[in-house]
């Protein structure tokens, strides 16, 4: 099987959109649990979109990228869907975040 760069990019973009849409449909999945289990969360995906925009010279700030990923402003999403993290979640997060430190 051989894919040219354009076809591969289209497939990657479609997979990303599917992940975004899946996470929008599952607001019960908390960001802290995603970080603890997978090492990334919705905020990371929004940040990665912002970083890609910067690399490509596209004017897209961090908050706008988050809004594109969440489908609404982040503060609104938090108010609607984010629950208080428990002590166990917070302790796991403290360990997981160490992998992201330089």
N, C-alpha and C. Protein backbone atom coordinates (compact mmCIF):
# COMPACT_ATOMS: atom_id res chain seq x y z
N UNK A 1 0.84 -1.18 0.00
CA UNK A 1 0.00 0.00 0.00
C UNK A 1 0.88 1.24 0.00
N UNK A 2 0.49 2.20 -0.81
CA UNK A 2 1.26 3.42 -0.91
C UNK A 2 0.31 4.61 -0.86
N UNK A 3 0.62 5.55 0.02
CA UNK A 3 -0.16 6.77 0.13
C UNK A 3 0.73 7.96 -0.14
N UNK A 4 0.25 8.89 -0.96
CA UNK A 4 1.03 10.11 -1.12
C UNK A 4 0.78 11.01 0.09
N UNK A 5 1.57 12.03 0.21
CA UNK A 5 1.49 12.91 1.39
C UNK A 5 0.12 13.55 1.54
N UNK A 6 -0.49 13.96 0.45
CA UNK A 6 -1.80 14.61 0.51
C UNK A 6 -2.87 13.64 1.00
N UNK A 7 -2.85 12.42 0.50
CA UNK A 7 -3.83 11.42 0.93
C UNK A 7 -3.64 11.09 2.42
N UNK A 8 -2.39 10.94 2.84
CA UNK A 8 -2.11 10.65 4.24
C UNK A 8 -2.60 11.80 5.14
N UNK A 9 -2.35 13.03 4.71
CA UNK A 9 -2.79 14.18 5.49
C UNK A 9 -4.32 14.21 5.62
N UNK A 10 -5.03 13.87 4.54
CA UNK A 10 -6.50 13.83 4.59
C UNK A 10 -6.98 12.77 5.57
N UNK A 11 -6.34 11.62 5.58
CA UNK A 11 -6.71 10.54 6.49
C UNK A 11 -6.43 10.93 7.95
N UNK A 12 -5.27 11.54 8.16
CA UNK A 12 -4.93 11.99 9.52
C UNK A 12 -5.92 13.05 10.01
N UNK A 13 -6.27 13.98 9.14
CA UNK A 13 -7.23 15.03 9.51
C UNK A 13 -8.59 14.42 9.83
N UNK A 14 -9.02 13.44 9.05
CA UNK A 14 -10.30 12.78 9.30
C UNK A 14 -10.27 12.04 10.64
N UNK A 15 -9.16 11.38 10.94
CA UNK A 15 -9.04 10.66 12.22
C UNK A 15 -9.06 11.65 13.38
N UNK A 16 -8.39 12.78 13.22
CA UNK A 16 -8.38 13.82 14.26
C UNK A 16 -9.80 14.35 14.50
N UNK A 17 -10.52 14.63 13.42
CA UNK A 17 -11.89 15.13 13.56
C UNK A 17 -12.78 14.10 14.26
N UNK A 18 -12.56 12.84 13.94
CA UNK A 18 -13.34 11.78 14.59
C UNK A 18 -13.03 11.71 16.08
N UNK A 19 -11.76 11.84 16.45
CA UNK A 19 -11.38 11.88 17.86
C UNK A 19 -12.03 13.08 18.54
N UNK A 20 -11.94 14.25 17.91
CA UNK A 20 -12.55 15.46 18.46
C UNK A 20 -14.04 15.27 18.68
N UNK A 21 -14.73 14.74 17.68
CA UNK A 21 -16.17 14.56 17.78
C UNK A 21 -16.53 13.52 18.83
N UNK A 22 -15.72 12.48 18.93
CA UNK A 22 -15.96 11.45 19.95
C UNK A 22 -15.84 12.05 21.34
N UNK A 23 -14.80 12.86 21.57
CA UNK A 23 -14.62 13.48 22.88
C UNK A 23 -15.70 14.52 23.17
N UNK A 24 -16.19 15.21 22.15
CA UNK A 24 -17.29 16.15 22.36
C UNK A 24 -18.55 15.39 22.79
N UNK A 25 -18.74 14.19 22.27
CA UNK A 25 -19.91 13.39 22.62
C UNK A 25 -19.77 12.70 23.97
N UNK A 26 -18.56 12.73 24.54
CA UNK A 26 -18.29 12.07 25.82
C UNK A 26 -17.76 13.05 26.85
N UNK A 27 -18.54 14.08 27.20
CA UNK A 27 -18.06 15.04 28.19
C UNK A 27 -17.90 14.41 29.58
N UNK A 28 -18.45 13.21 29.77
CA UNK A 28 -18.27 12.51 31.04
C UNK A 28 -16.83 12.04 31.24
N UNK A 29 -16.09 11.94 30.15
CA UNK A 29 -14.68 11.57 30.24
C UNK A 29 -13.91 12.82 30.66
N UNK A 30 -13.41 12.81 31.87
CA UNK A 30 -12.75 13.98 32.44
C UNK A 30 -11.31 14.10 31.93
N UNK A 31 -10.88 15.34 31.72
CA UNK A 31 -9.51 15.59 31.26
C UNK A 31 -8.47 14.99 32.20
N UNK A 32 -8.70 15.08 33.50
CA UNK A 32 -7.70 14.56 34.44
C UNK A 32 -7.56 13.05 34.29
N UNK A 33 -8.65 12.35 34.01
CA UNK A 33 -8.57 10.91 33.81
C UNK A 33 -7.82 10.59 32.51
N UNK A 34 -8.07 11.39 31.47
CA UNK A 34 -7.33 11.20 30.21
C UNK A 34 -5.84 11.40 30.44
N UNK A 35 -5.48 12.46 31.18
CA UNK A 35 -4.06 12.72 31.47
C UNK A 35 -3.45 11.57 32.25
N UNK A 36 -4.17 11.09 33.25
CA UNK A 36 -3.65 10.02 34.09
C UNK A 36 -3.47 8.72 33.32
N UNK A 37 -4.37 8.44 32.39
CA UNK A 37 -4.30 7.18 31.65
C UNK A 37 -3.50 7.26 30.36
N UNK A 38 -3.63 8.37 29.65
CA UNK A 38 -3.04 8.46 28.31
C UNK A 38 -1.91 9.48 28.19
N UNK A 39 -1.80 10.37 29.16
CA UNK A 39 -0.74 11.37 29.10
C UNK A 39 -1.08 12.59 28.25
N UNK A 40 -2.34 12.70 27.83
CA UNK A 40 -2.80 13.89 27.11
C UNK A 40 -4.29 14.05 27.38
N UNK A 41 -4.80 15.25 27.08
CA UNK A 41 -6.23 15.51 27.28
C UNK A 41 -6.71 16.48 26.20
N UNK A 42 -7.93 16.92 26.33
CA UNK A 42 -8.49 17.87 25.37
C UNK A 42 -7.66 19.15 25.29
N UNK A 43 -7.17 19.62 26.44
CA UNK A 43 -6.34 20.83 26.44
C UNK A 43 -5.07 20.62 25.64
N UNK A 44 -4.47 19.45 25.76
CA UNK A 44 -3.27 19.15 24.98
C UNK A 44 -3.58 19.20 23.49
N UNK A 45 -4.69 18.61 23.10
CA UNK A 45 -5.07 18.60 21.69
C UNK A 45 -5.28 20.01 21.17
N UNK A 46 -5.92 20.86 21.95
CA UNK A 46 -6.08 22.26 21.57
C UNK A 46 -4.74 22.97 21.48
N UNK A 47 -3.85 22.68 22.46
CA UNK A 47 -2.51 23.30 22.44
C UNK A 47 -1.73 22.82 21.22
N UNK A 48 -1.84 21.55 20.89
CA UNK A 48 -1.13 21.04 19.72
C UNK A 48 -1.64 21.69 18.44
N UNK A 49 -2.95 21.96 18.40
CA UNK A 49 -3.50 22.65 17.24
C UNK A 49 -2.93 24.06 17.15
N UNK A 50 -2.84 24.74 18.28
CA UNK A 50 -2.25 26.08 18.31
C UNK A 50 -0.80 26.03 17.86
N UNK A 51 -0.03 25.07 18.37
CA UNK A 51 1.38 24.96 18.00
C UNK A 51 1.54 24.69 16.50
N UNK A 52 0.66 23.86 15.95
CA UNK A 52 0.70 23.60 14.51
C UNK A 52 0.41 24.87 13.73
N UNK A 53 -0.53 25.66 14.22
CA UNK A 53 -0.85 26.94 13.57
C UNK A 53 0.36 27.86 13.57
N UNK A 54 1.04 27.94 14.70
CA UNK A 54 2.23 28.79 14.79
C UNK A 54 3.29 28.31 13.79
N UNK A 55 3.52 27.00 13.75
CA UNK A 55 4.52 26.44 12.82
C UNK A 55 4.18 26.75 11.37
N UNK A 56 2.88 26.82 11.07
CA UNK A 56 2.46 27.05 9.68
C UNK A 56 2.12 28.51 9.38
N UNK A 57 2.39 29.38 10.36
CA UNK A 57 2.15 30.80 10.14
C UNK A 57 0.68 31.20 10.12
N UNK A 58 -0.16 30.39 10.77
CA UNK A 58 -1.60 30.68 10.83
C UNK A 58 -1.88 31.43 12.13
N UNK A 59 -2.66 32.50 12.04
CA UNK A 59 -3.00 33.32 13.20
C UNK A 59 -4.13 32.65 13.97
N UNK A 60 -3.76 31.84 14.97
CA UNK A 60 -4.72 31.14 15.81
C UNK A 60 -4.15 31.08 17.22
N UNK A 61 -4.74 31.85 18.13
CA UNK A 61 -4.20 31.85 19.49
C UNK A 61 -4.65 30.60 20.25
N UNK A 62 -4.08 30.41 21.45
CA UNK A 62 -4.34 29.20 22.23
C UNK A 62 -5.82 29.05 22.58
N UNK A 63 -6.44 30.15 22.98
CA UNK A 63 -7.86 30.06 23.39
C UNK A 63 -8.75 29.75 22.19
N UNK A 64 -8.45 30.32 21.05
CA UNK A 64 -9.24 30.04 19.84
C UNK A 64 -9.08 28.58 19.43
N UNK A 65 -7.88 28.04 19.57
CA UNK A 65 -7.64 26.63 19.23
C UNK A 65 -8.42 25.73 20.18
N UNK A 66 -8.41 26.06 21.47
CA UNK A 66 -9.19 25.29 22.45
C UNK A 66 -10.67 25.31 22.09
N UNK A 67 -11.17 26.48 21.74
CA UNK A 67 -12.57 26.61 21.38
C UNK A 67 -12.91 25.76 20.17
N UNK A 68 -12.01 25.73 19.20
CA UNK A 68 -12.23 24.88 18.03
C UNK A 68 -12.30 23.42 18.43
N UNK A 69 -11.46 23.01 19.37
CA UNK A 69 -11.47 21.60 19.77
C UNK A 69 -12.68 21.26 20.63
N UNK A 70 -12.97 22.11 21.63
CA UNK A 70 -14.07 21.84 22.54
C UNK A 70 -15.45 22.08 21.92
N UNK A 71 -15.50 22.93 20.88
CA UNK A 71 -16.78 23.28 20.29
C UNK A 71 -17.48 24.40 21.04
N UNK A 72 -16.80 24.98 22.01
CA UNK A 72 -17.31 26.09 22.82
C UNK A 72 -16.12 26.64 23.59
N UNK A 73 -16.25 27.84 24.16
CA UNK A 73 -15.16 28.34 24.98
C UNK A 73 -14.86 27.37 26.14
N UNK A 74 -13.60 27.24 26.48
CA UNK A 74 -13.17 26.30 27.51
C UNK A 74 -13.86 26.56 28.85
N UNK A 75 -13.99 27.80 29.26
CA UNK A 75 -14.65 28.11 30.53
C UNK A 75 -16.10 27.62 30.54
N UNK A 76 -16.76 27.74 29.41
CA UNK A 76 -18.14 27.25 29.30
C UNK A 76 -18.17 25.72 29.41
N UNK A 77 -17.24 25.04 28.73
CA UNK A 77 -17.18 23.58 28.81
C UNK A 77 -16.94 23.14 30.25
N UNK A 78 -15.99 23.80 30.92
CA UNK A 78 -15.69 23.46 32.31
C UNK A 78 -16.94 23.60 33.19
N UNK A 79 -17.65 24.70 33.03
CA UNK A 79 -18.84 24.93 33.85
C UNK A 79 -19.91 23.87 33.60
N UNK A 80 -20.02 23.41 32.37
CA UNK A 80 -21.04 22.43 32.03
C UNK A 80 -20.65 20.99 32.38
N UNK A 81 -19.35 20.66 32.26
CA UNK A 81 -18.97 19.25 32.28
C UNK A 81 -17.90 18.84 33.27
N UNK A 82 -17.07 19.75 33.71
CA UNK A 82 -15.94 19.34 34.55
C UNK A 82 -16.39 19.12 35.98
N UNK A 83 -15.96 18.00 36.55
CA UNK A 83 -16.28 17.69 37.94
C UNK A 83 -15.03 17.93 38.79
N UNK A 84 -15.24 18.02 40.09
CA UNK A 84 -14.12 18.22 41.02
C UNK A 84 -13.27 16.95 41.05
N UNK A 85 -11.97 17.11 40.94
CA UNK A 85 -11.06 15.97 40.97
C UNK A 85 -10.95 15.44 42.40
N UNK A 86 -10.93 14.13 42.51
CA UNK A 86 -10.76 13.50 43.81
C UNK A 86 -9.29 13.43 44.18
N UNK A 87 -9.02 13.09 45.42
CA UNK A 87 -7.65 13.02 45.92
C UNK A 87 -6.82 12.01 45.13
N UNK A 88 -7.42 10.87 44.79
CA UNK A 88 -6.69 9.84 44.03
C UNK A 88 -6.34 10.34 42.63
N UNK A 89 -7.30 11.01 41.98
CA UNK A 89 -7.05 11.57 40.65
C UNK A 89 -5.93 12.60 40.70
N UNK A 90 -5.98 13.46 41.71
CA UNK A 90 -4.98 14.52 41.85
C UNK A 90 -3.60 13.93 42.10
N UNK A 91 -3.51 12.90 42.92
CA UNK A 91 -2.21 12.25 43.19
C UNK A 91 -1.66 11.59 41.93
N UNK A 92 -2.51 10.92 41.17
CA UNK A 92 -2.07 10.29 39.92
C UNK A 92 -1.62 11.36 38.92
N UNK A 93 -2.34 12.47 38.89
CA UNK A 93 -1.99 13.55 37.98
C UNK A 93 -0.62 14.13 38.33
N UNK A 94 -0.34 14.28 39.60
CA UNK A 94 0.96 14.82 40.04
C UNK A 94 2.10 13.94 39.52
N UNK A 95 1.87 12.65 39.46
CA UNK A 95 2.89 11.73 38.92
C UNK A 95 2.92 11.80 37.39
N UNK A 96 1.74 11.80 36.76
CA UNK A 96 1.67 11.80 35.31
C UNK A 96 2.26 13.06 34.70
N UNK A 97 2.10 14.20 35.37
CA UNK A 97 2.55 15.47 34.80
C UNK A 97 4.08 15.54 34.77
N UNK A 98 4.74 14.76 35.60
CA UNK A 98 6.21 14.75 35.60
C UNK A 98 6.77 14.35 34.24
N UNK A 99 6.03 13.53 33.51
CA UNK A 99 6.49 13.11 32.19
C UNK A 99 6.46 14.26 31.20
N UNK A 100 5.74 15.33 31.51
CA UNK A 100 5.63 16.48 30.61
C UNK A 100 6.60 17.59 30.96
N UNK A 101 7.32 17.45 32.05
CA UNK A 101 8.27 18.48 32.46
C UNK A 101 9.58 18.32 31.68
N UNK A 102 10.15 19.45 31.29
CA UNK A 102 11.41 19.38 30.52
C UNK A 102 12.57 18.87 31.34
